[in-house]
Each structure stands twice: as C-alpha cells, then as structure tokens.
Amino acid sequence: MKRTISILSTLVLSSVVAAGCATQKQVDEKIAAATAQTDQKIESVSGQVEDLQEKQRQTDVKLDELSKSSADALKRAEEAGMLAKGKVVFEQTFNEDRIRFKTGSWVLDETATAALDELAGKVKALDRAVYVEIQGYTDNRGSEASNEMLGQQRAESVRRYLNKQHSLPLGRMSTISYGETAPVADNKTKDGRGQNRRVVIVVLE
C-alpha cells in the first residue's frame, strides 16, 4: 500500500514538474513572439518617420524651386488661411503676347480673353477647390505710384473676367500689384518692356 502511494506521488510530482516546464516554455515563446512584434513595430515606426522626413525634405526642395511669384502667393494665402494643402498647383505667366493692354489701360482685348478662357478651363479641370492669386506687373514708364495702381487695375480686370465669364468664385481669388518693381527684362528696350507688362496667375490649394 505504501509502495503504491509512493509510486502515485512520484507520478503526480513528475506531472507537475512536466506541466511547469511546459508552462515556462510557453511563456518563453510568448515573450519571444511579443519581442519580435515590438521590434517589428519599432522598425515600422522608424520607417514611417524616415518617410515623413523624406517627404518633408522633398517639400522643402520644391519650395526652394518655386518662383518668387509663387512663393510669395503661397505665403500670403497661408497667412490668410485660404489653403487646405498649402501647395502650388501651377503658375502661368501671360506676357504682352497673350494679355495685351493699351497704354494706361486695363481693358482686356480678344487675345487676352482667349488666353483667360484657356486658363479657366485648366482651373475647372482640376475639379477641386483651389485659390487663385492674380498679380499685375508693369514696365517703368510713368511714375511708380501710377504703375502700382495700373498693375492693380489690370489684375482686377482679369479677376472680374474670370468671375463673370467662368464663374470662378470671387472669394477664392485675390489680386496684388507689383507695379514696376519686379521686372524680368530690361526696360530700356521695347521687347523688354513688353515682357515686363505681364499678368502672373498662381493657382494654389
């Protein structure tokens, strides 16, 4: 009887020890699996951070590559809280060969309206809310004050046309005059003055 009890005790003890070993092994396996998952998550987060850093670097490069016209427009639009994404969609410059004004005038001729019809089509084709800044520039003939006013009137003329003819919302368009202060060519020549009499339209979102 005593021998039977001893054998049973030994068997029970062996079972307990075996069960204990199995439990420890399972715990070790779970710890190893959890550690692997943690390492994987850390690697994933690190990868995401690197992706964000790379995207930021690319954004900085793109901003550096923007023309002064676009960079200034982007800054003004961001300060006004008009942008969702804070980026330039495109910029289009209309020199005298596309948007012509008679001396001292801001009336759009047929060549100018055709160019603006084309631009309005591009804006509408985006099929999303955008913000448009219209910049007016002049040559250096006349006084600085009169050129400042003339540039503003020409930009406003473009804005009104885009609104009336193409229903681009006035609230999503702004105008600014650079007057004679930002020439792109020599004002001493006729061709240079023609290049400086221009309208630049920057589309942002």
C-alpha atoms as a PDB file:
ATOM      1  CA  MET A   1       0.000   0.000   0.000  1.00  0.00           C
ATOM      2  CA  LYS A   2       2.803   2.373   0.997  1.00  0.00           C
ATOM      3  CA  ARG A   3       4.654   1.457  -2.183  1.00  0.00           C
ATOM      4  CA  THR A   4       1.564   2.204  -4.257  1.00  0.00           C
ATOM      5  CA  ILE A   5       1.183   5.631  -2.613  1.00  0.00           C
ATOM      6  CA  SER A   6       4.865   6.362  -3.254  1.00  0.00           C
ATOM      7  CA  ILE A   7       4.554   5.471  -6.918  1.00  0.00           C
ATOM      8  CA  LEU A   8       1.455   7.659  -7.270  1.00  0.00           C
ATOM      9  CA  SER A   9       3.209  10.544  -5.544  1.00  0.00           C
ATOM     10  CA  THR A  10       6.152  10.223  -7.893  1.00  0.00           C
ATOM     11  CA  LEU A  11       3.877  10.215 -10.918  1.00  0.00           C
ATOM     12  CA  VAL A  12       1.983  13.281  -9.683  1.00  0.00           C
ATOM     13  CA  LEU A  13       5.214  15.126  -8.951  1.00  0.00           C
ATOM     14  CA  SER A  14       6.570  14.245 -12.393  1.00  0.00           C
ATOM     15  CA  SER A  15       3.382  15.527 -13.956  1.00  0.00           C
ATOM     16  CA  VAL A  16       3.579  18.786 -12.009  1.00  0.00           C
ATOM     17  CA  VAL A  17       7.217  19.260 -12.977  1.00  0.00           C
ATOM     18  CA  ALA A  18       6.413  18.498 -16.621  1.00  0.00           C
ATOM     19  CA  ALA A  19       3.461  20.881 -16.526  1.00  0.00           C
ATOM     20  CA  GLY A  20       5.694  23.539 -15.002  1.00  0.00           C
ATOM     21  CA  CYS A  21       8.271  23.054 -17.742  1.00  0.00           C
ATOM     22  CA  ALA A  22       5.610  23.253 -20.449  1.00  0.00           C
ATOM     23  CA  THR A  23       4.211  26.446 -18.950  1.00  0.00           C
ATOM     24  CA  GLN A  24       7.646  28.082 -18.776  1.00  0.00           C
ATOM     25  CA  LYS A  25       8.310  27.095 -22.372  1.00  0.00           C
ATOM     26  CA  GLN A  26       5.021  28.639 -23.459  1.00  0.00           C
ATOM     27  CA  VAL A  27       5.836  31.811 -21.524  1.00  0.00           C
ATOM     28  CA  ASP A  28       9.246  31.998 -23.190  1.00  0.00           C
ATOM     29  CA  GLU A  29       7.653  31.522 -26.587  1.00  0.00           C
ATOM     30  CA  LYS A  30       5.088  34.239 -25.901  1.00  0.00           C
ATOM     31  CA  ILE A  31       7.803  36.616 -24.708  1.00  0.00           C
ATOM     32  CA  ALA A  32       9.842  35.908 -27.827  1.00  0.00           C
ATOM     33  CA  ALA A  33       6.803  36.476 -30.056  1.00  0.00           C
ATOM     34  CA  ALA A  34       5.921  39.723 -28.272  1.00  0.00           C
ATOM     35  CA  THR A  35       9.507  40.934 -28.541  1.00  0.00           C
ATOM     36  CA  ALA A  36       9.507  40.169 -32.266  1.00  0.00           C
ATOM     37  CA  GLN A  37       6.231  42.063 -32.719  1.00  0.00           C
ATOM     38  CA  THR A  38       7.603  45.022 -30.759  1.00  0.00           C
ATOM     39  CA  ASP A  39      10.772  45.055 -32.850  1.00  0.00           C
ATOM     40  CA  GLN A  40       8.655  44.924 -35.994  1.00  0.00           C
ATOM     41  CA  LYS A  41       6.504  47.842 -34.802  1.00  0.00           C
ATOM     42  CA  ILE A  42       9.603  49.856 -33.939  1.00  0.00           C
ATOM     43  CA  GLU A  43      11.004  49.181 -37.395  1.00  0.00           C
ATOM     44  CA  SER A  44       7.650  50.170 -38.940  1.00  0.00           C
ATOM     45  CA  VAL A  45       7.501  53.417 -36.951  1.00  0.00           C
ATOM     46  CA  SER A  46      11.115  54.160 -37.815  1.00  0.00           C
ATOM     47  CA  GLY A  47      10.291  53.592 -41.471  1.00  0.00           C
ATOM     48  CA  GLN A  48       7.304  55.924 -41.254  1.00  0.00           C
ATOM     49  CA  VAL A  49       9.423  58.612 -39.609  1.00  0.00           C
ATOM     50  CA  GLU A  50      12.022  58.256 -42.350  1.00  0.00           C
ATOM     51  CA  ASP A  51       9.270  58.510 -44.991  1.00  0.00           C
ATOM     52  CA  LEU A  52       7.924  61.669 -43.364  1.00  0.00           C
ATOM     53  CA  GLN A  53      11.414  63.139 -43.160  1.00  0.00           C
ATOM     54  CA  GLU A  54      11.969  62.358 -46.826  1.00  0.00           C
ATOM     55  CA  LYS A  55       8.624  63.906 -47.791  1.00  0.00           C
ATOM     56  CA  GLN A  56       9.497  66.993 -45.749  1.00  0.00           C
ATOM     57  CA  ARG A  57      12.867  67.186 -47.462  1.00  0.00           C
ATOM     58  CA  GLN A  58      11.210  66.916 -50.867  1.00  0.00           C
ATOM     59  CA  THR A  59       8.690  69.610 -49.890  1.00  0.00           C
ATOM     60  CA  ASP A  60      11.500  71.916 -48.827  1.00  0.00           C
ATOM     61  CA  VAL A  61      13.235  71.338 -52.159  1.00  0.00           C
ATOM     62  CA  LYS A  62      10.033  72.081 -54.064  1.00  0.00           C
ATOM     63  CA  LEU A  63       9.532  75.286 -52.094  1.00  0.00           C
ATOM     64  CA  ASP A  64      13.098  76.293 -52.927  1.00  0.00           C
ATOM     65  CA  GLU A  65      12.359  75.644 -56.596  1.00  0.00           C
ATOM     66  CA  LEU A  66       9.246  77.841 -56.641  1.00  0.00           C
ATOM     67  CA  SER A  67       9.467  81.152 -58.427  1.00  0.00           C
ATOM     68  CA  LYS A  68       9.307  84.226 -56.227  1.00  0.00           C
ATOM     69  CA  SER A  69       5.808  84.901 -57.588  1.00  0.00           C
ATOM     70  CA  SER A  70       4.548  81.506 -56.439  1.00  0.00           C
ATOM     71  CA  ALA A  71       6.435  81.556 -53.147  1.00  0.00           C
ATOM     72  CA  ASP A  72       5.005  84.966 -52.257  1.00  0.00           C
ATOM     73  CA  ALA A  73       1.491  83.921 -53.286  1.00  0.00           C
ATOM     74  CA  LEU A  74       1.753  80.738 -51.222  1.00  0.00           C
ATOM     75  CA  LYS A  75       2.864  82.673 -48.151  1.00  0.00           C
ATOM     76  CA  ARG A  76       0.032  85.209 -48.468  1.00  0.00           C
ATOM     77  CA  ALA A  77      -2.595  82.502 -48.990  1.00  0.00           C
ATOM     78  CA  GLU A  78      -1.343  80.508 -45.990  1.00  0.00           C
ATOM     79  CA  GLU A  79      -1.391  83.604 -43.785  1.00  0.00           C
ATOM     80  CA  ALA A  80      -4.960  84.274 -44.907  1.00  0.00           C
ATOM     81  CA  GLY A  81      -5.932  80.687 -44.060  1.00  0.00           C
ATOM     82  CA  MET A  82      -7.172  80.036 -47.590  1.00  0.00           C
ATOM     83  CA  LEU A  83      -5.335  76.771 -48.293  1.00  0.00           C
ATOM     84  CA  ALA A  84      -6.089  73.160 -47.437  1.00  0.00           C
ATOM     85  CA  LYS A  85      -2.854  71.560 -48.596  1.00  0.00           C
ATOM     86  CA  GLY A  86      -0.517  74.532 -48.731  1.00  0.00           C
ATOM     87  CA  LYS A  87       0.887  73.888 -52.164  1.00  0.00           C
ATOM     88  CA  VAL A  88       1.130  75.499 -55.578  1.00  0.00           C
ATOM     89  CA  VAL A  89      -0.814  73.641 -58.272  1.00  0.00           C
ATOM     90  CA  PHE A  90       0.565  75.681 -61.160  1.00  0.00           C
ATOM     91  CA  GLU A  91       1.716  79.145 -62.170  1.00  0.00           C
ATOM     92  CA  GLN A  92       1.056  80.776 -65.528  1.00  0.00           C
ATOM     93  CA  THR A  93       2.610  83.958 -66.848  1.00  0.00           C
ATOM     94  CA  PHE A  94       0.903  85.973 -69.554  1.00  0.00           C
ATOM     95  CA  ASN A  95       3.241  88.398 -71.259  1.00  0.00           C
ATOM     96  CA  GLU A  96       2.115  91.056 -73.690  1.00  0.00           C
ATOM     97  CA  ASP A  97       1.771  88.480 -76.464  1.00  0.00           C
ATOM     98  CA  ARG A  98      -1.144  86.816 -74.608  1.00  0.00           C
ATOM     99  CA  ILE A  99      -2.682  89.511 -72.425  1.00  0.00           C
ATOM    100  CA  ARG A 100      -2.348  92.916 -74.044  1.00  0.00           C
ATOM    101  CA  PHE A 101      -3.336  96.247 -72.621  1.00  0.00           C
ATOM    102  CA  LYS A 102      -3.253  99.594 -74.367  1.00  0.00           C
ATOM    103  CA  THR A 103      -1.014 102.186 -72.738  1.00  0.00           C
ATOM    104  CA  GLY A 104      -2.507 103.219 -69.420  1.00  0.00           C
ATOM    105  CA  SER A 105      -5.464 100.867 -69.939  1.00  0.00           C
ATOM    106  CA  TRP A 106      -6.715  97.777 -68.152  1.00  0.00           C
ATOM    107  CA  VAL A 107      -9.334  96.744 -70.731  1.00  0.00           C
ATOM    108  CA  LEU A 108      -8.931  93.153 -71.947  1.00  0.00           C
ATOM    109  CA  ASP A 109      -8.848  92.577 -75.701  1.00  0.00           C
ATOM    110  CA  GLU A 110      -9.874  89.407 -77.576  1.00  0.00           C
ATOM    111  CA  THR A 111      -6.395  87.894 -77.367  1.00  0.00           C
ATOM    112  CA  ALA A 112      -6.403  88.388 -73.618  1.00  0.00           C
ATOM    113  CA  THR A 113      -9.864  86.913 -73.093  1.00  0.00           C
ATOM    114  CA  ALA A 114      -8.961  83.869 -75.214  1.00  0.00           C
ATOM    115  CA  ALA A 115      -5.910  83.285 -73.023  1.00  0.00           C
ATOM    116  CA  LEU A 116      -8.019  83.611 -69.884  1.00  0.00           C
ATOM    117  CA  ASP A 117     -10.649  81.232 -71.295  1.00  0.00           C
ATOM    118  CA  GLU A 118      -7.890  78.673 -71.682  1.00  0.00           C
ATOM    119  CA  LEU A 119      -6.662  79.217 -68.131  1.00  0.00           C
ATOM    120  CA  ALA A 120     -10.191  78.975 -66.703  1.00  0.00           C
ATOM    121  CA  GLY A 121     -10.561  75.609 -68.436  1.00  0.00           C
ATOM    122  CA  LYS A 122      -7.417  74.349 -66.719  1.00  0.00           C
ATOM    123  CA  VAL A 123      -8.653  75.532 -63.334  1.00  0.00           C
ATOM    124  CA  LYS A 124     -12.081  73.924 -63.773  1.00  0.00           C
ATOM    125  CA  ALA A 125     -10.486  70.680 -64.969  1.00  0.00           C
ATOM    126  CA  LEU A 126      -8.837  70.341 -61.557  1.00  0.00           C
ATOM    127  CA  ASP A 127     -12.345  69.651 -60.216  1.00  0.00           C
ATOM    128  CA  ARG A 128     -11.473  70.694 -56.672  1.00  0.00           C
ATOM    129  CA  ALA A 129     -11.407  73.837 -54.571  1.00  0.00           C
ATOM    130  CA  VAL A 130      -8.407  75.997 -55.410  1.00  0.00           C
ATOM    131  CA  TYR A 131      -7.269  79.516 -54.601  1.00  0.00           C
ATOM    132  CA  VAL A 132      -6.135  81.898 -57.331  1.00  0.00           C
ATOM    133  CA  GLU A 133      -3.841  84.895 -56.937  1.00  0.00           C
ATOM    134  CA  ILE A 134      -3.629  87.328 -59.852  1.00  0.00           C
ATOM    135  CA  GLN A 135      -0.527  89.511 -59.970  1.00  0.00           C
ATOM    136  CA  GLY A 136      -0.239  92.657 -62.091  1.00  0.00           C
ATOM    137  CA  TYR A 137       3.114  93.975 -63.358  1.00  0.00           C
ATOM    138  CA  THR A 138       4.068  96.994 -65.472  1.00  0.00           C
ATOM    139  CA  ASP A 139       7.121  98.456 -67.184  1.00  0.00           C
ATOM    140  CA  ASN A 140       8.804 101.530 -65.699  1.00  0.00           C
ATOM    141  CA  ARG A 141       7.201 104.166 -67.876  1.00  0.00           C
ATOM    142  CA  GLY A 142       5.234 106.601 -65.777  1.00  0.00           C
ATOM    143  CA  SER A 143       5.529 107.173 -62.046  1.00  0.00           C
ATOM    144  CA  GLU A 144       5.943 104.389 -59.550  1.00  0.00           C
ATOM    145  CA  ALA A 145       2.616 105.278 -57.925  1.00  0.00           C
ATOM    146  CA  SER A 146       0.707 105.270 -61.219  1.00  0.00           C
ATOM    147  CA  ASN A 147       2.267 101.933 -62.192  1.00  0.00           C
ATOM    148  CA  GLU A 148       1.302 100.480 -58.818  1.00  0.00           C
ATOM    149  CA  MET A 149      -2.309 101.497 -59.455  1.00  0.00           C
ATOM    150  CA  LEU A 150      -2.225 100.335 -63.083  1.00  0.00           C
ATOM    151  CA  GLY A 151      -0.935  96.898 -62.103  1.00  0.00           C
ATOM    152  CA  GLN A 152      -3.763  96.568 -59.574  1.00  0.00           C
ATOM    153  CA  GLN A 153      -6.419  97.644 -62.080  1.00  0.00           C
ATOM    154  CA  ARG A 154      -5.177  95.126 -64.644  1.00  0.00           C
ATOM    155  CA  ALA A 155      -5.173  92.316 -62.100  1.00  0.00           C
ATOM    156  CA  GLU A 156      -8.709  93.277 -61.031  1.00  0.00           C
ATOM    157  CA  SER A 157      -9.807  93.284 -64.675  1.00  0.00           C
ATOM    158  CA  VAL A 158      -8.623  89.679 -65.003  1.00  0.00           C
ATOM    159  CA  ARG A 159     -10.361  88.703 -61.747  1.00  0.00           C
ATOM    160  CA  ARG A 160     -13.679  90.184 -62.843  1.00  0.00           C
ATOM    161  CA  TYR A 161     -13.492  88.432 -66.207  1.00  0.00           C
ATOM    162  CA  LEU A 162     -12.784  85.023 -64.655  1.00  0.00           C
ATOM    163  CA  ASN A 163     -15.728  85.514 -62.306  1.00  0.00           C
ATOM    164  CA  LYS A 164     -18.271  86.841 -64.797  1.00  0.00           C
ATOM    165  CA  GLN A 165     -17.416  84.618 -67.745  1.00  0.00           C
ATOM    166  CA  HIS A 166     -16.354  81.424 -65.973  1.00  0.00           C
ATOM    167  CA  SER A 167     -17.988  81.685 -62.539  1.00  0.00           C
ATOM    168  CA  LEU A 168     -14.746  81.323 -60.641  1.00  0.00           C
ATOM    169  CA  PRO A 169     -15.723  82.493 -57.131  1.00  0.00           C
ATOM    170  CA  LEU A 170     -14.552  85.974 -56.185  1.00  0.00           C
ATOM    171  CA  GLY A 171     -13.890  84.757 -52.645  1.00  0.00           C
ATOM    172  CA  ARG A 172     -11.322  82.286 -53.964  1.00  0.00           C
ATOM    173  CA  MET A 173      -9.426  84.882 -55.994  1.00  0.00           C
ATOM    174  CA  SER A 174      -7.221  87.747 -54.853  1.00  0.00           C
ATOM    175  CA  THR A 175      -5.215  90.419 -56.654  1.00  0.00           C
ATOM    176  CA  ILE A 176      -1.966  92.199 -55.977  1.00  0.00           C
ATOM    177  CA  SER A 177       0.102  94.739 -57.903  1.00  0.00           C
ATOM    178  CA  TYR A 178       3.870  94.625 -58.152  1.00  0.00           C
ATOM    179  CA  GLY A 179       3.806  97.646 -60.455  1.00  0.00           C
ATOM    180  CA  GLU A 180       7.240  98.271 -61.938  1.00  0.00           C
ATOM    181  CA  THR A 181       9.133  96.754 -59.000  1.00  0.00           C
ATOM    182  CA  ALA A 182       9.756  93.249 -60.380  1.00  0.00           C
ATOM    183  CA  PRO A 183      10.989  93.471 -63.995  1.00  0.00           C
ATOM    184  CA  VAL A 184      12.020  90.288 -65.793  1.00  0.00           C
ATOM    185  CA  ALA A 185      13.683  92.099 -68.686  1.00  0.00           C
ATOM    186  CA  ASP A 186      15.440  95.367 -69.489  1.00  0.00           C
ATOM    187  CA  ASN A 187      13.025  98.299 -69.566  1.00  0.00           C
ATOM    188  CA  LYS A 188      15.379 100.161 -71.925  1.00  0.00           C
ATOM    189  CA  THR A 189      14.176  98.081 -74.877  1.00  0.00           C
ATOM    190  CA  LYS A 190      10.712  97.765 -76.408  1.00  0.00           C
ATOM    191  CA  ASP A 191      10.846  93.972 -76.168  1.00  0.00           C
ATOM    192  CA  GLY A 192      11.946  94.158 -72.549  1.00  0.00           C
ATOM    193  CA  ARG A 193       9.109  96.495 -71.626  1.00  0.00           C
ATOM    194  CA  GLY A 194       6.672  94.146 -73.350  1.00  0.00           C
ATOM    195  CA  GLN A 195       7.887  91.258 -71.186  1.00  0.00           C
ATOM    196  CA  ASN A 196       7.558  93.345 -68.046  1.00  0.00           C
ATOM    197  CA  ARG A 197       3.934  94.285 -68.825  1.00  0.00           C
ATOM    198  CA  ARG A 198       2.531  90.985 -67.686  1.00  0.00           C
ATOM    199  CA  VAL A 199      -0.002  89.189 -65.548  1.00  0.00           C
ATOM    200  CA  VAL A 200       1.015  86.184 -63.461  1.00  0.00           C
ATOM    201  CA  ILE A 201      -1.674  83.818 -62.186  1.00  0.00           C
ATOM    202  CA  VAL A 202      -0.815  81.392 -59.383  1.00  0.00           C
ATOM    203  CA  VAL A 203      -3.214  78.552 -58.567  1.00  0.00           C
ATOM    204  CA  LEU A 204      -2.920  77.027 -55.095  1.00  0.00           C
ATOM    205  CA  GLU A 205      -4.763  74.513 -52.924  1.00  0.00           C
END
